[in-house]
Protein backbone atom coordinates (compact mmCIF):
# COMPACT_ATOMS: atom_id res chain seq x y z
CA MET A 1 -6.13 4.53 25.04
CA PHE A 2 -8.06 7.30 23.49
CA ARG A 3 -6.27 7.11 20.23
CA ILE A 4 -7.26 3.60 20.29
CA LEU A 5 -10.78 4.07 21.03
CA ARG A 6 -11.15 6.92 18.45
CA ALA A 7 -9.59 4.72 15.76
CA ILE A 8 -12.16 1.71 16.28
CA LEU A 9 -14.92 4.32 16.39
CA GLU A 10 -13.86 6.43 13.24
CA PRO A 11 -13.35 4.65 9.82
CA MET A 12 -9.67 4.54 8.80
CA GLU A 13 -7.86 6.96 6.72
CA PRO A 14 -6.14 5.26 3.84
CA LYS A 15 -2.38 4.74 4.44
CA ARG A 16 -1.07 6.20 1.07
CA ASN A 17 2.48 5.01 -0.34
CA LYS A 18 3.56 8.63 -1.45
CA LYS A 19 6.62 7.34 -3.14
CA ALA A 20 4.74 5.30 -5.60
CA TYR A 21 2.96 8.23 -6.68
CA PHE A 22 5.86 9.98 -7.37
CA ASP A 23 8.40 7.33 -8.45
CA TYR A 24 5.88 5.24 -10.83
CA GLU A 25 3.41 5.93 -13.62
CA HIS A 26 0.25 3.59 -13.13
CA LEU A 27 -0.85 1.52 -15.92
CA GLU A 28 -3.54 -0.59 -14.15
CA THR A 29 -4.91 -1.05 -10.60
CA PHE A 30 -6.34 -3.95 -8.89
CA GLU A 31 -8.13 -4.11 -5.29
CA ALA A 32 -6.50 -6.89 -3.41
CA GLY A 33 -7.20 -8.51 -0.01
CA ILE A 34 -4.86 -9.46 2.31
CA GLN A 35 -4.23 -12.13 4.86
CA LEU A 36 -3.28 -10.96 8.37
CA THR A 37 -3.56 -12.14 11.63
CA GLY A 38 -5.73 -10.82 14.44
CA SER A 39 -3.52 -8.31 16.00
CA GLU A 40 -2.11 -6.97 12.63
CA VAL A 41 -5.51 -6.37 11.59
CA LYS A 42 -6.15 -4.22 14.61
CA SER A 43 -3.09 -2.26 14.37
CA VAL A 44 -4.12 -1.55 10.53
CA LYS A 45 -7.37 -0.08 12.13
CA THR A 46 -5.67 2.07 14.25
CA GLY A 47 -3.26 3.24 11.48
CA LEU A 48 -0.12 1.69 12.78
CA ILE A 49 1.05 0.77 9.42
CA ASN A 50 3.82 2.19 7.02
CA LEU A 51 3.89 1.45 3.04
CA GLU A 52 6.91 3.33 2.22
CA GLY A 53 9.52 1.12 0.39
CA SER A 54 7.35 -1.84 -0.06
CA TYR A 55 6.73 -3.92 -3.20
CA ILE A 56 5.05 -7.15 -4.36
CA VAL A 57 6.52 -10.24 -5.75
CA LEU A 58 4.79 -12.95 -7.39
CA ASN A 59 6.11 -16.10 -6.36
CA ASN A 60 4.51 -19.90 -6.97
CA GLY A 61 1.27 -18.59 -8.01
CA GLU A 62 0.59 -15.95 -5.30
CA ALA A 63 1.35 -12.35 -4.50
CA LEU A 64 3.24 -11.51 -1.60
CA LEU A 65 3.23 -7.72 -0.15
CA LYS A 66 7.09 -7.36 1.05
CA SER A 67 8.85 -4.75 3.20
CA ALA A 68 5.39 -3.40 4.50
CA LYS A 69 5.62 -2.49 8.27
CA ILE A 70 2.53 -3.25 10.47
CA ALA A 71 3.33 -2.28 13.84
CA ARG A 72 2.97 -4.53 16.75
CA TYR A 73 -0.67 -3.93 18.35
CA PRO A 74 0.05 -2.18 21.74
CA LYS A 75 -2.47 -4.25 23.65
CA ALA A 76 -1.60 -7.82 22.02
CA SER A 77 -0.78 -10.71 24.27
CA PRO A 78 2.73 -11.05 25.56
CA GLU A 79 3.00 -14.20 23.97
CA GLN A 80 3.84 -12.26 20.61
CA THR A 81 7.45 -11.48 21.60
CA ALA A 82 8.74 -12.92 18.12
CA TYR A 83 6.36 -10.72 16.07
CA ASP A 84 7.96 -9.59 12.98
CA PRO A 85 6.50 -6.47 11.58
CA GLU A 86 7.95 -6.79 8.27
CA ARG A 87 6.94 -10.36 7.53
CA PRO A 88 5.71 -11.07 3.98
CA LYS A 89 1.95 -10.73 3.50
CA ARG A 90 -0.33 -12.53 1.05
CA LEU A 91 -2.39 -10.88 -1.27
CA LEU A 92 -5.56 -12.13 -1.97
CA LEU A 93 -6.32 -11.61 -5.91
CA THR A 94 -8.37 -13.95 -8.31
CA LYS A 95 -6.57 -16.38 -10.66
CA LYS A 96 -7.07 -14.42 -13.52
CA GLU A 97 -5.64 -11.30 -11.91
CA LEU A 98 -2.37 -13.12 -10.82
CA ASN A 99 -1.89 -14.81 -14.37
CA HIS A 100 -2.32 -11.29 -16.07
CA LEU A 101 0.19 -9.68 -13.45
CA ALA A 102 2.37 -12.37 -13.93
CA ALA A 103 2.38 -12.05 -17.67
CA ALA A 104 2.88 -8.13 -17.44
CA VAL A 105 5.93 -8.28 -14.83
CA ASN A 106 7.88 -10.25 -17.50
CA THR A 107 8.16 -7.79 -19.73
CA PRO A 108 10.98 -5.35 -19.07
CA GLY A 109 10.28 -2.07 -17.05
CA LEU A 110 7.21 -3.26 -15.29
CA THR A 111 6.54 -3.89 -11.66
CA ILE A 112 3.90 -4.08 -9.15
CA VAL A 113 3.71 -1.43 -6.47
CA PRO A 114 1.36 -1.16 -3.50
CA LEU A 115 -0.72 2.28 -3.54
CA PHE A 116 -2.68 2.39 -0.39
CA MET A 117 -4.19 0.50 2.31
CA TYR A 118 -7.77 0.91 3.59
CA ILE A 119 -10.81 -0.74 5.12
CA SER A 120 -13.90 -1.66 3.12
CA LYS A 121 -16.80 -3.20 5.07
CA ARG A 122 -14.34 -4.63 8.01
CA LEU A 123 -11.94 -6.13 5.50
CA VAL A 124 -8.46 -4.85 4.99
CA LYS A 125 -7.81 -4.02 1.30
CA VAL A 126 -4.65 -2.92 -0.48
CA LYS A 127 -5.08 -0.88 -3.81
CA ILE A 128 -1.95 -2.19 -6.07
CA ALA A 129 -0.90 -0.88 -9.50
CA LEU A 130 0.85 -2.38 -12.47
CA ALA A 131 3.37 0.41 -12.84
CA ARG A 132 6.43 1.70 -14.90
CA GLY A 133 9.12 3.56 -13.34
CA LYS A 134 9.30 7.44 -14.08
CA ARG A 135 12.53 8.68 -15.33
CA LYS A 136 14.00 11.73 -14.05
CA PHE A 137 12.64 14.46 -16.47
CA ASP A 138 9.42 12.86 -15.80
CA LYS A 139 9.64 13.84 -12.15
CA ARG A 140 11.07 17.09 -12.69
CA ALA A 141 7.86 17.97 -14.83
CA ALA A 142 5.55 16.47 -12.30
CA ILE A 143 7.18 18.90 -9.68
CA LYS A 144 6.72 21.73 -12.01
CA GLU A 145 3.02 21.16 -12.51
CA LYS A 146 2.49 20.81 -8.63
CA GLU A 147 4.28 24.15 -8.03
CA TYR A 148 2.37 26.01 -11.08
CA LYS A 149 -1.16 24.57 -9.60
CA ARG A 150 -0.28 25.84 -6.06
CA ARG A 151 0.62 29.10 -7.25
CA LEU A 152 -2.55 29.52 -9.45
CA ASN A 153 -4.59 28.25 -6.33
CA SER A 154 -2.95 31.08 -4.37
CA ARG A 155 -3.63 33.75 -6.61
CA VAL A 156 -7.25 32.70 -7.02
CA ARG A 157 -7.78 32.96 -3.13
């Protein structure tokens, strides 16, 4: 109970999709609203979400967030027995942004990935990116750079 109360009083920390930062090179980023039910919003505010392995699909002029797991809110009504935590969630983007993303996704090698989910003025938002997958040597270079920075910081201290 205290965890839920603390989460309501304190602002939610953005939930990051760490794989998206490691596996993809981000070309453009967009901020999108997300259409959720009331209990899903409460779950997001308490931090019961997981974006790992989630992706975005453009279908019939709308963007859908798939495989994002929003756990069932613990205090939700018992009528929610058929709740699906991985149901596709509709993203709220402008027509111009949707058309731009649809044109960009048609080029080979580009995809749309969610980066993180956060709360802005009571509204749940998702930061998404138009991204290109990294190759194995790009990932190795990123790991080497991280280790170099970590060693440098430890020596400075």
